[in-house]
Amino acid sequence: MPKPKNTHAPAKRGAVVGFGESRPPYSNAVRLPSDWRQRMPAPETYYRTQLDKLSRPNSSGWMQGTCPFHDDHNASLSVHMVSGRWRCFAGCGGGDLIGFHMSRHGLEFRAAVLDLIKGAR
């Protein structure tokens, strides 16, 4: 009896993946440096350059400011100066420093990381 083909194996380079599209070759992708996490800017420095009127950090390390993602007149955004986490309490969402940079500048993950390690805008 013939052995069945493995239908769950990854597609080979240039093979049709689905709906007539082919997978891009991996050699053309821009790779992130292996030390990209260590080269990220300090969250407090980054957020102070990106946001106007940030408060001083409280005892837990959170700073408050106005959210750049909506017309904000109150301090509805909180950012953590050590972890880089952020949260908008008006409903814009939350995430980490990379996610903030992606949303703020309309970048994908890889482009945002490269932008941050080269020196954020």
Protein backbone atom coordinates (compact mmCIF):
# COMPACT_ATOMS: atom_id res chain seq x y z
CA MET A 1 0.00 0.00 0.00
CA PRO A 2 1.49 3.42 -0.96
CA LYS A 3 2.42 5.80 1.83
CA PRO A 4 0.22 8.97 1.80
CA LYS A 5 1.88 12.32 1.17
CA ASN A 6 2.31 14.68 4.07
CA THR A 7 -0.28 17.35 3.27
CA HIS A 8 0.65 19.38 6.35
CA ALA A 9 4.27 19.96 5.38
CA PRO A 10 5.33 23.56 4.72
CA ALA A 11 5.32 24.67 1.11
CA LYS A 12 8.61 24.78 -0.72
CA ARG A 13 10.07 28.09 -1.85
CA GLY A 14 7.95 29.55 -4.64
CA ALA A 15 5.24 26.91 -4.28
CA VAL A 16 1.61 27.90 -4.49
CA VAL A 17 0.31 28.35 -0.96
CA GLY A 18 -3.34 29.21 -1.45
CA PHE A 19 -5.65 31.19 -3.68
CA GLY A 20 -2.97 31.43 -6.36
CA GLU A 21 -0.47 33.33 -4.19
CA SER A 22 3.08 32.19 -3.65
CA ARG A 23 5.05 32.57 -0.46
CA PRO A 24 7.77 35.25 -0.71
CA PRO A 25 11.32 33.92 -0.54
CA TYR A 26 12.85 34.31 2.91
CA SER A 27 16.13 35.65 1.56
CA ASN A 28 14.46 38.92 0.50
CA ALA A 29 13.08 39.66 3.97
CA VAL A 30 14.89 42.23 6.08
CA ARG A 31 15.98 40.44 9.23
CA LEU A 32 16.07 42.10 12.60
CA PRO A 33 19.45 42.18 14.34
CA SER A 34 19.81 39.46 16.96
CA ASP A 35 20.25 42.08 19.72
CA TRP A 36 17.26 44.26 18.77
CA ARG A 37 15.64 43.95 22.21
CA GLN A 38 18.74 45.36 23.93
CA ARG A 39 18.91 48.24 21.43
CA MET A 40 15.38 49.50 22.06
CA PRO A 41 15.11 53.00 23.57
CA ALA A 42 14.31 53.40 27.25
CA PRO A 43 10.52 53.69 27.59
CA GLU A 44 10.62 56.91 29.64
CA THR A 45 12.89 58.60 27.10
CA TYR A 46 10.78 57.43 24.16
CA TYR A 47 7.42 58.45 25.62
CA ARG A 48 8.73 61.85 26.74
CA THR A 49 9.74 62.59 23.12
CA GLN A 50 6.46 61.27 21.66
CA LEU A 51 3.90 62.68 24.10
CA ASP A 52 3.17 66.18 25.32
CA LYS A 53 2.63 66.97 28.98
CA LEU A 54 3.45 63.68 30.67
CA SER A 55 3.14 63.73 34.44
CA ARG A 56 5.88 62.63 36.78
CA PRO A 57 5.81 58.89 37.45
CA ASN A 58 3.82 57.71 40.46
CA SER A 59 5.19 55.21 42.97
CA SER A 60 4.26 52.32 40.66
CA GLY A 61 6.13 53.81 37.69
CA TRP A 62 3.10 54.99 35.67
CA MET A 63 2.94 58.41 33.98
CA GLN A 64 -0.26 60.04 32.72
CA GLY A 65 -0.76 62.19 29.64
CA THR A 66 -3.08 63.01 26.78
CA CYS A 67 -3.67 60.27 24.22
CA PRO A 68 -2.39 61.02 20.68
CA PHE A 69 -4.86 58.58 19.08
CA HIS A 70 -7.99 60.65 19.75
CA ASP A 71 -8.94 64.27 20.47
CA ASP A 72 -8.04 64.27 24.14
CA HIS A 73 -8.21 67.11 26.66
CA ASN A 74 -7.84 64.97 29.78
CA ALA A 75 -5.02 62.69 30.87
CA SER A 76 -6.58 59.41 29.72
CA LEU A 77 -3.33 57.72 28.66
CA SER A 78 -1.04 55.93 31.10
CA VAL A 79 2.44 54.71 30.21
CA HIS A 80 4.82 52.68 32.37
CA MET A 81 8.33 54.11 32.46
CA VAL A 82 10.08 50.76 33.00
CA SER A 83 8.11 48.13 31.08
CA GLY A 84 6.97 50.42 28.25
CA ARG A 85 3.33 49.29 28.56
CA TRP A 86 0.63 51.82 27.70
CA ARG A 87 -3.13 52.05 28.15
CA CYS A 88 -5.74 54.56 26.99
CA PHE A 89 -8.71 54.60 29.34
CA ALA A 90 -10.89 56.37 26.74
CA GLY A 91 -11.00 53.21 24.65
CA CYS A 92 -8.08 53.48 22.22
CA GLY A 93 -6.46 50.32 23.57
CA GLY A 94 -3.11 49.47 25.03
CA GLY A 95 0.03 47.50 24.44
CA ASP A 96 3.79 47.80 24.54
CA LEU A 97 6.25 50.36 23.24
CA ILE A 98 6.53 48.71 19.82
CA GLY A 99 2.74 48.56 19.46
CA PHE A 100 2.51 52.24 20.39
CA HIS A 101 5.11 53.14 17.75
CA MET A 102 3.33 50.98 15.16
CA SER A 103 0.00 52.73 15.81
CA ARG A 104 1.46 56.21 16.05
CA HIS A 105 3.39 56.03 12.77
CA GLY A 106 1.39 53.45 10.80
CA LEU A 107 4.20 50.90 10.60
CA GLU A 108 4.31 47.13 10.60
CA PHE A 109 6.22 45.30 13.35
CA ARG A 110 9.57 44.88 11.58
CA ALA A 111 9.59 48.47 10.29
CA ALA A 112 8.67 49.81 13.74
CA VAL A 113 11.47 47.87 15.44
CA LEU A 114 14.02 49.02 12.86
CA ASP A 115 12.80 52.61 13.26
CA LEU A 116 13.09 52.40 17.04
CA ILE A 117 16.59 50.90 17.14
CA LYS A 118 17.86 53.48 14.63
CA GLY A 119 16.46 56.29 16.75
CA ALA A 120 12.75 57.01 16.86
CA ARG A 121 11.35 59.95 14.94
